[in-house]
Amino acid sequence: MASTFPFAAIVGQDEMTLAIQVVAIDPNVLFAPPQSIEKEVVRVLDSFGKPHSDTTQTGPTHIFNLGHGIHQHTPPEHVTALVETVHRHSKKLRSSP
């Protein structure tokens, strides 16, 4: 699939004391089998590294986004696979040393 996804926009203030990475994935990925969706989500999240998890100060984090929304014929269970994988893998990244 020749696409510009994923992409990120980094927004910051005062030398990156506050930053957000907007992680987008091609919504056509949702037509692949759930195992492929999970693999792509993990690849995209891993490409941004460990998210900020120190609650005592600000730092970079991410927002996971579908680049152009969800097509009306997307299987709902594929959306579930995406959301559950984002939650599970993000939590794993935040808790790893």
N, C-alpha and C. Protein backbone atom coordinates (compact mmCIF):
# COMPACT_ATOMS: atom_id res chain seq x y z
N MET A 1 0.84 -1.16 0.00
CA MET A 1 0.00 0.00 0.00
C MET A 1 0.90 1.24 0.00
N ALA A 2 0.89 2.03 -1.04
CA ALA A 2 1.69 3.24 -1.12
C ALA A 2 0.92 4.37 -0.44
N SER A 3 1.37 4.74 0.73
CA SER A 3 0.65 5.73 1.50
C SER A 3 1.61 6.56 2.33
N THR A 4 1.15 7.70 2.77
CA THR A 4 1.97 8.55 3.63
C THR A 4 1.75 8.25 5.09
N PHE A 5 0.99 7.22 5.40
CA PHE A 5 0.71 6.87 6.79
C PHE A 5 1.79 5.93 7.29
N PRO A 6 2.09 5.88 8.58
CA PRO A 6 1.62 6.82 9.58
C PRO A 6 2.38 8.13 9.50
N PHE A 7 1.83 9.16 10.08
CA PHE A 7 2.53 10.42 10.16
C PHE A 7 2.38 10.97 11.57
N ALA A 8 3.18 11.96 11.90
CA ALA A 8 3.09 12.55 13.23
C ALA A 8 3.24 14.05 13.12
N ALA A 9 2.52 14.73 13.95
CA ALA A 9 2.70 16.17 14.10
C ALA A 9 3.13 16.38 15.54
N ILE A 10 4.23 17.05 15.74
CA ILE A 10 4.72 17.29 17.09
C ILE A 10 4.48 18.75 17.41
N VAL A 11 3.78 18.99 18.50
CA VAL A 11 3.44 20.33 18.93
C VAL A 11 4.12 20.57 20.26
N GLY A 12 4.79 21.68 20.44
CA GLY A 12 5.48 21.90 21.71
C GLY A 12 5.50 23.35 22.12
N GLN A 13 5.83 23.55 23.38
CA GLN A 13 6.00 24.87 23.97
C GLN A 13 7.27 24.85 24.80
N ASP A 14 7.91 26.00 24.89
CA ASP A 14 9.07 26.15 25.78
C ASP A 14 10.03 24.98 25.71
N GLU A 15 10.65 24.84 24.56
CA GLU A 15 11.66 23.79 24.35
C GLU A 15 11.12 22.40 24.65
N MET A 16 9.92 22.13 24.14
CA MET A 16 9.32 20.80 24.22
C MET A 16 8.98 20.36 25.64
N THR A 17 8.66 21.29 26.55
CA THR A 17 8.20 20.86 27.87
C THR A 17 6.78 20.31 27.79
N LEU A 18 6.09 20.64 26.69
CA LEU A 18 4.77 20.09 26.43
C LEU A 18 4.75 19.66 24.98
N ALA A 19 4.48 18.39 24.73
CA ALA A 19 4.48 17.92 23.34
C ALA A 19 3.45 16.83 23.15
N ILE A 20 2.89 16.80 21.96
CA ILE A 20 1.93 15.76 21.60
C ILE A 20 2.34 15.22 20.24
N GLN A 21 2.37 13.93 20.11
CA GLN A 21 2.60 13.29 18.82
C GLN A 21 1.26 12.73 18.38
N VAL A 22 0.79 13.16 17.23
CA VAL A 22 -0.46 12.64 16.70
C VAL A 22 -0.10 11.48 15.78
N VAL A 23 -0.48 10.29 16.19
CA VAL A 23 -0.14 9.08 15.46
C VAL A 23 -1.34 8.70 14.59
N ALA A 24 -1.15 8.67 13.29
CA ALA A 24 -2.26 8.32 12.39
C ALA A 24 -1.94 7.03 11.66
N ILE A 25 -2.96 6.26 11.44
CA ILE A 25 -2.82 5.01 10.72
C ILE A 25 -3.82 5.02 9.57
N ASP A 26 -3.46 4.45 8.47
CA ASP A 26 -4.33 4.39 7.30
C ASP A 26 -5.59 3.60 7.65
N PRO A 27 -6.78 4.19 7.52
CA PRO A 27 -8.01 3.46 7.89
C PRO A 27 -8.26 2.21 7.05
N ASN A 28 -7.62 2.09 5.89
CA ASN A 28 -7.76 0.87 5.08
C ASN A 28 -7.15 -0.34 5.77
N VAL A 29 -6.27 -0.11 6.74
CA VAL A 29 -5.70 -1.21 7.52
C VAL A 29 -6.82 -2.00 8.20
N LEU A 30 -7.93 -1.33 8.49
CA LEU A 30 -9.04 -1.99 9.18
C LEU A 30 -9.76 -3.03 8.33
N PHE A 31 -9.40 -3.14 7.08
CA PHE A 31 -9.99 -4.19 6.24
C PHE A 31 -9.10 -5.45 6.23
N ALA A 32 -7.96 -5.38 6.89
CA ALA A 32 -7.06 -6.53 7.02
C ALA A 32 -7.55 -7.41 8.17
N PRO A 33 -7.04 -8.63 8.27
CA PRO A 33 -7.41 -9.49 9.40
C PRO A 33 -6.96 -8.85 10.72
N PRO A 34 -7.67 -9.13 11.83
CA PRO A 34 -7.31 -8.53 13.12
C PRO A 34 -5.84 -8.70 13.51
N GLN A 35 -5.23 -9.84 13.18
CA GLN A 35 -3.82 -10.04 13.53
C GLN A 35 -2.93 -9.04 12.79
N SER A 36 -3.28 -8.71 11.57
CA SER A 36 -2.52 -7.72 10.80
C SER A 36 -2.73 -6.31 11.35
N ILE A 37 -3.94 -6.03 11.79
CA ILE A 37 -4.23 -4.74 12.40
C ILE A 37 -3.39 -4.57 13.66
N GLU A 38 -3.38 -5.60 14.50
CA GLU A 38 -2.59 -5.56 15.73
C GLU A 38 -1.11 -5.34 15.43
N LYS A 39 -0.59 -6.04 14.46
CA LYS A 39 0.82 -5.91 14.08
C LYS A 39 1.15 -4.48 13.63
N GLU A 40 0.26 -3.88 12.84
CA GLU A 40 0.48 -2.51 12.35
C GLU A 40 0.38 -1.50 13.48
N VAL A 41 -0.56 -1.67 14.39
CA VAL A 41 -0.69 -0.77 15.53
C VAL A 41 0.57 -0.82 16.38
N VAL A 42 1.06 -2.01 16.68
CA VAL A 42 2.27 -2.17 17.48
C VAL A 42 3.46 -1.53 16.76
N ARG A 43 3.57 -1.73 15.46
CA ARG A 43 4.67 -1.14 14.69
C ARG A 43 4.64 0.39 14.78
N VAL A 44 3.46 0.96 14.60
CA VAL A 44 3.33 2.42 14.62
C VAL A 44 3.64 2.96 16.02
N LEU A 45 3.07 2.36 17.06
CA LEU A 45 3.33 2.83 18.42
C LEU A 45 4.81 2.68 18.78
N ASP A 46 5.41 1.56 18.42
CA ASP A 46 6.83 1.35 18.71
C ASP A 46 7.72 2.36 18.00
N SER A 47 7.28 2.82 16.83
CA SER A 47 8.10 3.77 16.07
C SER A 47 8.25 5.11 16.79
N PHE A 48 7.37 5.41 17.74
CA PHE A 48 7.46 6.66 18.49
C PHE A 48 8.15 6.50 19.82
N GLY A 49 8.49 5.29 20.19
CA GLY A 49 9.21 5.06 21.44
C GLY A 49 8.31 5.12 22.66
N LYS A 50 8.93 5.10 23.81
CA LYS A 50 8.22 5.05 25.09
C LYS A 50 7.53 6.40 25.34
N PRO A 51 6.22 6.38 25.61
CA PRO A 51 5.52 7.63 25.91
C PRO A 51 5.86 8.15 27.30
N HIS A 52 5.66 9.42 27.51
CA HIS A 52 5.89 10.06 28.80
C HIS A 52 4.94 9.46 29.84
N SER A 53 5.45 9.15 31.01
CA SER A 53 4.58 8.56 32.04
C SER A 53 4.82 9.15 33.42
N ASP A 54 5.66 10.16 33.55
CA ASP A 54 5.93 10.80 34.83
C ASP A 54 4.81 11.78 35.14
N THR A 55 3.98 11.47 36.14
CA THR A 55 2.82 12.31 36.45
C THR A 55 3.19 13.58 37.20
N THR A 56 4.46 13.73 37.58
CA THR A 56 4.87 14.93 38.32
C THR A 56 5.31 16.07 37.41
N GLN A 57 5.44 15.80 36.12
CA GLN A 57 5.84 16.85 35.19
C GLN A 57 5.28 16.57 33.79
N THR A 58 5.28 17.61 32.96
CA THR A 58 4.78 17.44 31.61
C THR A 58 5.84 16.79 30.74
N GLY A 59 5.40 16.22 29.64
CA GLY A 59 6.32 15.58 28.71
C GLY A 59 5.56 15.08 27.50
N PRO A 60 6.28 14.60 26.50
CA PRO A 60 5.63 14.17 25.26
C PRO A 60 4.75 12.94 25.45
N THR A 61 3.67 12.92 24.73
CA THR A 61 2.75 11.78 24.73
C THR A 61 2.17 11.64 23.33
N HIS A 62 1.22 10.76 23.13
CA HIS A 62 0.67 10.59 21.79
C HIS A 62 -0.85 10.49 21.80
N ILE A 63 -1.41 10.79 20.65
CA ILE A 63 -2.84 10.60 20.38
C ILE A 63 -2.89 9.68 19.17
N PHE A 64 -3.56 8.56 19.29
CA PHE A 64 -3.68 7.62 18.17
C PHE A 64 -4.93 7.97 17.39
N ASN A 65 -4.79 8.12 16.07
CA ASN A 65 -5.87 8.63 15.24
C ASN A 65 -5.95 7.84 13.94
N LEU A 66 -7.16 7.67 13.44
CA LEU A 66 -7.32 7.14 12.08
C LEU A 66 -7.20 8.32 11.14
N GLY A 67 -6.37 8.20 10.15
CA GLY A 67 -6.08 9.30 9.25
C GLY A 67 -7.28 9.94 8.58
N HIS A 68 -8.27 9.17 8.17
CA HIS A 68 -9.43 9.72 7.47
C HIS A 68 -10.74 9.14 7.99
N GLY A 69 -10.77 8.72 9.23
CA GLY A 69 -12.00 8.18 9.79
C GLY A 69 -12.21 6.72 9.44
N ILE A 70 -13.38 6.23 9.76
CA ILE A 70 -13.71 4.82 9.54
C ILE A 70 -14.72 4.70 8.40
N HIS A 71 -14.40 3.87 7.43
CA HIS A 71 -15.31 3.62 6.31
C HIS A 71 -16.55 2.90 6.83
N GLN A 72 -17.70 3.20 6.25
CA GLN A 72 -18.96 2.62 6.73
C GLN A 72 -19.03 1.10 6.65
N HIS A 73 -18.22 0.47 5.81
CA HIS A 73 -18.26 -0.99 5.66
C HIS A 73 -17.14 -1.69 6.45
N THR A 74 -16.48 -0.95 7.32
CA THR A 74 -15.43 -1.54 8.16
C THR A 74 -16.07 -2.51 9.15
N PRO A 75 -15.55 -3.74 9.23
CA PRO A 75 -16.10 -4.68 10.21
C PRO A 75 -15.90 -4.16 11.64
N PRO A 76 -16.96 -4.07 12.43
CA PRO A 76 -16.85 -3.54 13.80
C PRO A 76 -15.81 -4.28 14.65
N GLU A 77 -15.69 -5.59 14.44
CA GLU A 77 -14.71 -6.35 15.23
C GLU A 77 -13.27 -5.94 14.89
N HIS A 78 -13.06 -5.39 13.71
CA HIS A 78 -11.72 -4.91 13.34
C HIS A 78 -11.42 -3.60 14.06
N VAL A 79 -12.44 -2.77 14.24
CA VAL A 79 -12.27 -1.54 15.01
C VAL A 79 -11.96 -1.90 16.46
N THR A 80 -12.66 -2.90 16.97
CA THR A 80 -12.40 -3.37 18.34
C THR A 80 -10.96 -3.84 18.47
N ALA A 81 -10.46 -4.59 17.49
CA ALA A 81 -9.06 -5.06 17.52
C ALA A 81 -8.10 -3.88 17.57
N LEU A 82 -8.38 -2.84 16.79
CA LEU A 82 -7.52 -1.65 16.78
C LEU A 82 -7.52 -0.98 18.15
N VAL A 83 -8.69 -0.68 18.68
CA VAL A 83 -8.80 0.05 19.95
C VAL A 83 -8.18 -0.74 21.09
N GLU A 84 -8.48 -2.03 21.16
CA GLU A 84 -7.92 -2.85 22.24
C GLU A 84 -6.41 -2.95 22.15
N THR A 85 -5.88 -3.03 20.93
CA THR A 85 -4.43 -3.11 20.76
C THR A 85 -3.77 -1.80 21.14
N VAL A 86 -4.36 -0.67 20.75
CA VAL A 86 -3.81 0.64 21.14
C VAL A 86 -3.76 0.74 22.66
N HIS A 87 -4.84 0.39 23.33
CA HIS A 87 -4.87 0.47 24.79
C HIS A 87 -3.85 -0.47 25.43
N ARG A 88 -3.87 -1.71 24.99
CA ARG A 88 -2.97 -2.72 25.58
C ARG A 88 -1.50 -2.37 25.35
N HIS A 89 -1.15 -2.02 24.11
CA HIS A 89 0.26 -1.77 23.82
C HIS A 89 0.74 -0.44 24.41
N SER A 90 -0.13 0.57 24.43
CA SER A 90 0.25 1.85 25.05
C SER A 90 0.53 1.65 26.53
N LYS A 91 -0.33 0.87 27.18
CA LYS A 91 -0.13 0.58 28.61
C LYS A 91 1.19 -0.16 28.83
N LYS A 92 1.47 -1.11 27.96
CA LYS A 92 2.72 -1.87 28.06
C LYS A 92 3.93 -0.94 27.88
N LEU A 93 3.86 -0.02 26.91
CA LEU A 93 4.97 0.91 26.68
C LEU A 93 5.18 1.84 27.88
N ARG A 94 4.08 2.30 28.48
CA ARG A 94 4.19 3.21 29.63
C ARG A 94 4.76 2.50 30.86
N SER A 95 4.50 1.23 30.99
CA SER A 95 4.95 0.51 32.19
C SER A 95 6.31 -0.15 32.04
N SER A 96 6.85 -0.17 30.83
CA SER A 96 8.17 -0.81 30.64
C SER A 96 9.27 0.13 31.13
N PRO A 97 10.36 -0.46 31.64
CA PRO A 97 11.47 0.37 32.16
C PRO A 97 12.20 1.14 31.07
